[in-house]
Each structure stands twice: as structure tokens, then as C-alpha cells.
Amino acid sequence: MHIPFESLRGAQCRRFKESRGAGFTLVEVVLAIAIIAFALTAILGLVGLAVQGTKDADLYARLALINRRVVSEFQSQPFLVVTGSFAVHPTNTSYYDLYGTPLTDCYGNPIAANTNAKYFQCDVTNSKLVSPAPILSGTDNTALIQNAAMMQVKIRWPWPQLTGTDTTVTSIVNYR
């Protein structure tokens, strides 16, 4: 059986035209890759922001932990002991590691300042309240001034640069 050359060529052309509609051109593929690359770049940029946000949240949680620990320690002591300790040592300094754990020896005494584990430095200072005018007219504020104090907790990090600072002020009241 003999098939003419022209008919073979026509069948091949028809087959090529039919299969051409099912595929993608090179321009379409390049354009799709460019769109996907642009979208992935944007998503990866957001991942960086999310990581930084997580690090900041973790740092603020550690600062809150240290602050709460220090304030609770001072508030759990009798008022005169707290204000008296500030009279002897105007600034109480303690150190904490990267995880917010206090650096103490096996007896609970603070470790000296020359340890490699420290990351946070916490300075606690006290200032007595001074009232320029009576809170209630005709009353004496002496009892209030003698039974209230302000405690400032200043946490600085990272050791030894101490470039970050977080300061909170808390009142301590003697409830007799």
C-alpha cells in the first residue's frame, strides 16, 4: 500500500495542531515562574518579620519574669527590712542568665559579677515618697510618706554591652 507524501504531511500537521493546544508556550512558563518567584520572595520577607516578632515577644516575657521575681522578692519582706536594705545599699544589683534564671551559688547567694553566664543585669533602687501638699485638706501626710516607697527595677541587657534597657516603677506600701 502506497501513501502519498502530501497526505502524510497533512496528517502530521493536523496532529501537531491538535497537540499544540494542550501544552504551554515558553513565554507562559517563564511568566508563571516569575510570578511564583515574586510570591515566594514576599512570603520569605514576612517570615523574617515573624521571626523577629517572636524573638521580641520572648525577650519581653523574660523581662517580665525577672521583674515579677524581683518585685515579689521585695514585696514579700517586711516593709522596714526593704526600706532598710535600701538605706544600706542604695542600689541592689543582681544578674540573670539568658533564660531569666537568677545566677546564685548552691546556697542561694548571688554570684559575683565576673561570670560568663550572665545576660541580664537588674538594678533595684528605692525612693521615698514626698508629698508637697496634703492629699485631703486638713490631714497630715506623714503616715503615708513613712509607710510608702517607690521601687525602680531597671533591667539592662545583653552583658557586657548593656545596650537594651527596661525600667519599671512599683509602689511598696506598709499595710499595718
C-alpha atoms as a PDB file:
ATOM      1  CA  MET A   1       0.000   0.000   0.000  1.00  0.00           C
ATOM      2  CA  HIS A   2       1.358   3.292  -1.052  1.00  0.00           C
ATOM      3  CA  ILE A   3       0.512   6.501   0.894  1.00  0.00           C
ATOM      4  CA  PRO A   4       1.130   9.746  -0.914  1.00  0.00           C
ATOM      5  CA  PHE A   5       3.648  12.124   0.670  1.00  0.00           C
ATOM      6  CA  GLU A   6       1.223  15.033   0.791  1.00  0.00           C
ATOM      7  CA  SER A   7      -1.296  13.098   2.841  1.00  0.00           C
ATOM      8  CA  LEU A   8       1.353  12.138   5.418  1.00  0.00           C
ATOM      9  CA  ARG A   9       2.396  15.693   5.764  1.00  0.00           C
ATOM     10  CA  GLY A  10      -1.209  16.837   6.242  1.00  0.00           C
ATOM     11  CA  ALA A  11      -1.828  14.221   8.960  1.00  0.00           C
ATOM     12  CA  GLN A  12       1.301  15.248  10.798  1.00  0.00           C
ATOM     13  CA  CYS A  13       0.264  18.926  10.646  1.00  0.00           C
ATOM     14  CA  ARG A  14      -3.177  18.109  11.997  1.00  0.00           C
ATOM     15  CA  ARG A  15      -1.677  16.072  14.820  1.00  0.00           C
ATOM     16  CA  PHE A  16       0.748  18.912  15.675  1.00  0.00           C
ATOM     17  CA  LYS A  17      -2.054  21.498  15.705  1.00  0.00           C
ATOM     18  CA  GLU A  18      -4.204  19.307  17.952  1.00  0.00           C
ATOM     19  CA  SER A  19      -1.367  18.651  20.429  1.00  0.00           C
ATOM     20  CA  ARG A  20      -0.253  22.305  20.445  1.00  0.00           C
ATOM     21  CA  GLY A  21      -3.437  23.431  22.233  1.00  0.00           C
ATOM     22  CA  ALA A  22      -2.771  21.093  25.202  1.00  0.00           C
ATOM     23  CA  GLY A  23       0.691  22.497  26.163  1.00  0.00           C
ATOM     24  CA  PHE A  24       2.235  25.775  27.343  1.00  0.00           C
ATOM     25  CA  THR A  25       4.456  28.084  25.405  1.00  0.00           C
ATOM     26  CA  LEU A  26       7.881  29.126  26.680  1.00  0.00           C
ATOM     27  CA  VAL A  27       6.607  32.646  27.413  1.00  0.00           C
ATOM     28  CA  GLU A  28       3.779  31.297  29.570  1.00  0.00           C
ATOM     29  CA  VAL A  29       6.172  29.071  31.547  1.00  0.00           C
ATOM     30  CA  VAL A  30       8.647  31.934  32.154  1.00  0.00           C
ATOM     31  CA  LEU A  31       5.833  34.246  33.220  1.00  0.00           C
ATOM     32  CA  ALA A  32       4.445  31.626  35.653  1.00  0.00           C
ATOM     33  CA  ILE A  33       7.903  31.077  37.182  1.00  0.00           C
ATOM     34  CA  ALA A  34       8.359  34.848  37.598  1.00  0.00           C
ATOM     35  CA  ILE A  35       5.001  35.175  39.388  1.00  0.00           C
ATOM     36  CA  ILE A  36       5.799  32.258  41.703  1.00  0.00           C
ATOM     37  CA  ALA A  37       9.271  33.680  42.455  1.00  0.00           C
ATOM     38  CA  PHE A  38       7.773  37.088  43.293  1.00  0.00           C
ATOM     39  CA  ALA A  39       5.202  35.498  45.622  1.00  0.00           C
ATOM     40  CA  LEU A  40       7.828  33.348  47.386  1.00  0.00           C
ATOM     41  CA  THR A  41      10.062  36.393  47.889  1.00  0.00           C
ATOM     42  CA  ALA A  42       7.198  38.244  49.565  1.00  0.00           C
ATOM     43  CA  ILE A  43       6.380  35.254  51.778  1.00  0.00           C
ATOM     44  CA  LEU A  44      10.021  34.821  52.822  1.00  0.00           C
ATOM     45  CA  GLY A  45      10.153  38.511  53.743  1.00  0.00           C
ATOM     46  CA  LEU A  46       7.169  38.005  56.050  1.00  0.00           C
ATOM     47  CA  VAL A  47       8.864  35.013  57.668  1.00  0.00           C
ATOM     48  CA  GLY A  48      11.738  37.290  58.710  1.00  0.00           C
ATOM     49  CA  LEU A  49       9.303  39.707  60.336  1.00  0.00           C
ATOM     50  CA  ALA A  50       7.570  36.839  62.143  1.00  0.00           C
ATOM     51  CA  VAL A  51      10.881  35.524  63.486  1.00  0.00           C
ATOM     52  CA  GLN A  52      11.833  38.995  64.782  1.00  0.00           C
ATOM     53  CA  GLY A  53       8.406  39.374  66.387  1.00  0.00           C
ATOM     54  CA  THR A  54       8.815  36.018  68.125  1.00  0.00           C
ATOM     55  CA  LYS A  55      12.268  36.983  69.419  1.00  0.00           C
ATOM     56  CA  ASP A  56      10.913  40.279  70.766  1.00  0.00           C
ATOM     57  CA  ALA A  57       7.982  38.551  72.470  1.00  0.00           C
ATOM     58  CA  ASP A  58      10.360  36.037  74.063  1.00  0.00           C
ATOM     59  CA  LEU A  59      12.604  38.839  75.326  1.00  0.00           C
ATOM     60  CA  TYR A  60       9.664  40.763  76.810  1.00  0.00           C
ATOM     61  CA  ALA A  61       8.441  37.595  78.524  1.00  0.00           C
ATOM     62  CA  ARG A  62      11.864  37.106  80.127  1.00  0.00           C
ATOM     63  CA  LEU A  63      11.974  40.749  81.219  1.00  0.00           C
ATOM     64  CA  ALA A  64       8.521  40.394  82.792  1.00  0.00           C
ATOM     65  CA  LEU A  65       9.638  37.202  84.553  1.00  0.00           C
ATOM     66  CA  ILE A  66      12.713  38.882  86.029  1.00  0.00           C
ATOM     67  CA  ASN A  67      10.748  41.990  87.003  1.00  0.00           C
ATOM     68  CA  ARG A  68       8.000  39.981  88.675  1.00  0.00           C
ATOM     69  CA  ARG A  69      10.561  37.842  90.520  1.00  0.00           C
ATOM     70  CA  VAL A  70      12.425  40.897  91.866  1.00  0.00           C
ATOM     71  CA  VAL A  71       9.272  42.790  92.854  1.00  0.00           C
ATOM     72  CA  SER A  72       7.799  39.713  94.569  1.00  0.00           C
ATOM     73  CA  GLU A  73      11.011  39.166  96.483  1.00  0.00           C
ATOM     74  CA  PHE A  74      10.958  42.701  97.854  1.00  0.00           C
ATOM     75  CA  GLN A  75       7.201  42.773  98.493  1.00  0.00           C
ATOM     76  CA  SER A  76       7.349  39.513 100.461  1.00  0.00           C
ATOM     77  CA  GLN A  77       9.708  41.053 103.028  1.00  0.00           C
ATOM     78  CA  PRO A  78       8.636  43.320 105.892  1.00  0.00           C
ATOM     79  CA  PHE A  79       8.448  46.985 104.896  1.00  0.00           C
ATOM     80  CA  LEU A  80      11.183  48.145 107.286  1.00  0.00           C
ATOM     81  CA  VAL A  81      13.531  45.428 106.055  1.00  0.00           C
ATOM     82  CA  VAL A  82      13.031  46.513 102.451  1.00  0.00           C
ATOM     83  CA  THR A  83      13.476  50.230 103.096  1.00  0.00           C
ATOM     84  CA  GLY A  84      16.343  49.490 105.491  1.00  0.00           C
ATOM     85  CA  SER A  85      18.164  47.387 102.894  1.00  0.00           C
ATOM     86  CA  PHE A  86      17.997  50.331 100.505  1.00  0.00           C
ATOM     87  CA  ALA A  87      19.464  52.577 103.198  1.00  0.00           C
ATOM     88  CA  VAL A  88      22.481  50.246 103.458  1.00  0.00           C
ATOM     89  CA  HIS A  89      22.758  49.500  99.710  1.00  0.00           C
ATOM     90  CA  PRO A  90      21.139  52.276  97.601  1.00  0.00           C
ATOM     91  CA  THR A  91      21.265  50.036  94.519  1.00  0.00           C
ATOM     92  CA  ASN A  92      20.773  46.286  94.731  1.00  0.00           C
ATOM     93  CA  THR A  93      22.263  44.602  91.646  1.00  0.00           C
ATOM     94  CA  SER A  94      21.604  41.030  90.600  1.00  0.00           C
ATOM     95  CA  TYR A  95      22.377  39.053  87.461  1.00  0.00           C
ATOM     96  CA  TYR A  96      20.330  36.614  85.384  1.00  0.00           C
ATOM     97  CA  ASP A  97      21.216  34.242  82.579  1.00  0.00           C
ATOM     98  CA  LEU A  98      19.760  34.242  79.071  1.00  0.00           C
ATOM     99  CA  TYR A  99      16.678  32.326  80.261  1.00  0.00           C
ATOM    100  CA  GLY A 100      15.863  34.676  83.145  1.00  0.00           C
ATOM    101  CA  THR A 101      17.215  32.361  85.862  1.00  0.00           C
ATOM    102  CA  PRO A 102      18.965  34.164  88.741  1.00  0.00           C
ATOM    103  CA  LEU A 103      22.681  33.483  88.981  1.00  0.00           C
ATOM    104  CA  THR A 104      23.213  32.167  92.506  1.00  0.00           C
ATOM    105  CA  ASP A 105      25.505  29.643  94.127  1.00  0.00           C
ATOM    106  CA  CYS A 106      24.291  26.435  95.777  1.00  0.00           C
ATOM    107  CA  TYR A 107      23.399  28.415  98.942  1.00  0.00           C
ATOM    108  CA  GLY A 108      21.254  30.985  97.115  1.00  0.00           C
ATOM    109  CA  ASN A 109      23.826  33.774  97.362  1.00  0.00           C
ATOM    110  CA  PRO A 110      24.247  35.967  94.275  1.00  0.00           C
ATOM    111  CA  ILE A 111      27.214  35.083  92.108  1.00  0.00           C
ATOM    112  CA  ALA A 112      29.895  37.714  91.646  1.00  0.00           C
ATOM    113  CA  ALA A 113      29.751  39.908  88.574  1.00  0.00           C
ATOM    114  CA  ASN A 114      32.525  38.131  86.671  1.00  0.00           C
ATOM    115  CA  THR A 115      30.657  35.100  85.353  1.00  0.00           C
ATOM    116  CA  ASN A 116      30.189  34.256  81.668  1.00  0.00           C
ATOM    117  CA  ALA A 117      26.607  33.047  82.146  1.00  0.00           C
ATOM    118  CA  LYS A 118      25.109  36.453  82.879  1.00  0.00           C
ATOM    119  CA  TYR A 119      22.968  38.136  80.235  1.00  0.00           C
ATOM    120  CA  PHE A 120      20.656  40.474  82.185  1.00  0.00           C
ATOM    121  CA  GLN A 121      21.737  42.963  84.868  1.00  0.00           C
ATOM    122  CA  CYS A 122      18.988  44.056  87.254  1.00  0.00           C
ATOM    123  CA  ASP A 123      19.430  47.188  89.377  1.00  0.00           C
ATOM    124  CA  VAL A 124      16.823  47.951  92.046  1.00  0.00           C
ATOM    125  CA  THR A 125      16.688  51.397  93.629  1.00  0.00           C
ATOM    126  CA  ASN A 126      14.279  52.938  96.123  1.00  0.00           C
ATOM    127  CA  SER A 127      12.947  56.440  96.574  1.00  0.00           C
ATOM    128  CA  LYS A 128      10.749  57.504  99.466  1.00  0.00           C
ATOM    129  CA  LEU A 129       7.523  59.299  98.624  1.00  0.00           C
ATOM    130  CA  VAL A 130       7.488  63.021  99.223  1.00  0.00           C
ATOM    131  CA  SER A 131       4.138  64.757  99.233  1.00  0.00           C
ATOM    132  CA  PRO A 132       4.230  68.531  98.722  1.00  0.00           C
ATOM    133  CA  ALA A 133       0.596  69.048  99.787  1.00  0.00           C
ATOM    134  CA  PRO A 134      -1.883  67.099 101.909  1.00  0.00           C
ATOM    135  CA  ILE A 135      -3.966  64.590  99.965  1.00  0.00           C
ATOM    136  CA  LEU A 136      -7.030  65.549 101.998  1.00  0.00           C
ATOM    137  CA  SER A 137      -7.320  69.098 103.238  1.00  0.00           C
ATOM    138  CA  GLY A 138      -6.626  69.397 106.930  1.00  0.00           C
ATOM    139  CA  THR A 139      -4.867  65.997 107.134  1.00  0.00           C
ATOM    140  CA  ASP A 140      -1.263  65.106 107.767  1.00  0.00           C
ATOM    141  CA  ASN A 141       0.541  63.026 105.127  1.00  0.00           C
ATOM    142  CA  THR A 142       3.343  61.955 107.467  1.00  0.00           C
ATOM    143  CA  ALA A 143       1.920  58.475 107.974  1.00  0.00           C
ATOM    144  CA  LEU A 144       1.506  57.993 104.232  1.00  0.00           C
ATOM    145  CA  ILE A 145       5.028  59.170 103.459  1.00  0.00           C
ATOM    146  CA  GLN A 146       6.537  56.941 106.173  1.00  0.00           C
ATOM    147  CA  ASN A 147       4.646  53.862 105.017  1.00  0.00           C
ATOM    148  CA  ALA A 148       5.054  54.022 101.260  1.00  0.00           C
ATOM    149  CA  ALA A 149       8.020  53.794  98.931  1.00  0.00           C
ATOM    150  CA  MET A 150       8.663  53.547  95.227  1.00  0.00           C
ATOM    151  CA  MET A 151      10.913  50.809  93.897  1.00  0.00           C
ATOM    152  CA  GLN A 152      12.534  51.172  90.473  1.00  0.00           C
ATOM    153  CA  VAL A 153      13.589  47.982  88.686  1.00  0.00           C
ATOM    154  CA  LYS A 154      15.984  48.624  85.819  1.00  0.00           C
ATOM    155  CA  ILE A 155      16.934  45.622  83.687  1.00  0.00           C
ATOM    156  CA  ARG A 156      19.706  46.012  81.134  1.00  0.00           C
ATOM    157  CA  TRP A 157      20.982  43.530  78.539  1.00  0.00           C
ATOM    158  CA  PRO A 158      22.999  41.935  76.855  1.00  0.00           C
ATOM    159  CA  TRP A 159      26.015  41.694  79.100  1.00  0.00           C
ATOM    160  CA  PRO A 160      28.582  43.371  78.861  1.00  0.00           C
ATOM    161  CA  GLN A 161      27.329  45.992  76.341  1.00  0.00           C
ATOM    162  CA  LEU A 162      24.067  46.662  78.218  1.00  0.00           C
ATOM    163  CA  THR A 163      22.516  48.437  75.237  1.00  0.00           C
ATOM    164  CA  GLY A 164      18.877  47.469  75.964  1.00  0.00           C
ATOM    165  CA  THR A 165      17.024  48.873  78.974  1.00  0.00           C
ATOM    166  CA  ASP A 166      13.645  48.143  80.542  1.00  0.00           C
ATOM    167  CA  THR A 167      12.598  50.202  83.574  1.00  0.00           C
ATOM    168  CA  THR A 168       9.530  49.741  85.755  1.00  0.00           C
ATOM    169  CA  VAL A 169       8.439  51.531  88.918  1.00  0.00           C
ATOM    170  CA  THR A 170       6.445  49.733  91.610  1.00  0.00           C
ATOM    171  CA  SER A 171       4.987  51.014  94.847  1.00  0.00           C
ATOM    172  CA  ILE A 172       5.642  49.286  98.141  1.00  0.00           C
ATOM    173  CA  VAL A 173       3.182  50.054 100.922  1.00  0.00           C
ATOM    174  CA  ASN A 174       3.338  49.133 104.581  1.00  0.00           C
ATOM    175  CA  TYR A 175      -0.131  47.838 105.471  1.00  0.00           C
ATOM    176  CA  ARG A 176      -0.150  47.810 109.232  1.00  0.00           C
END
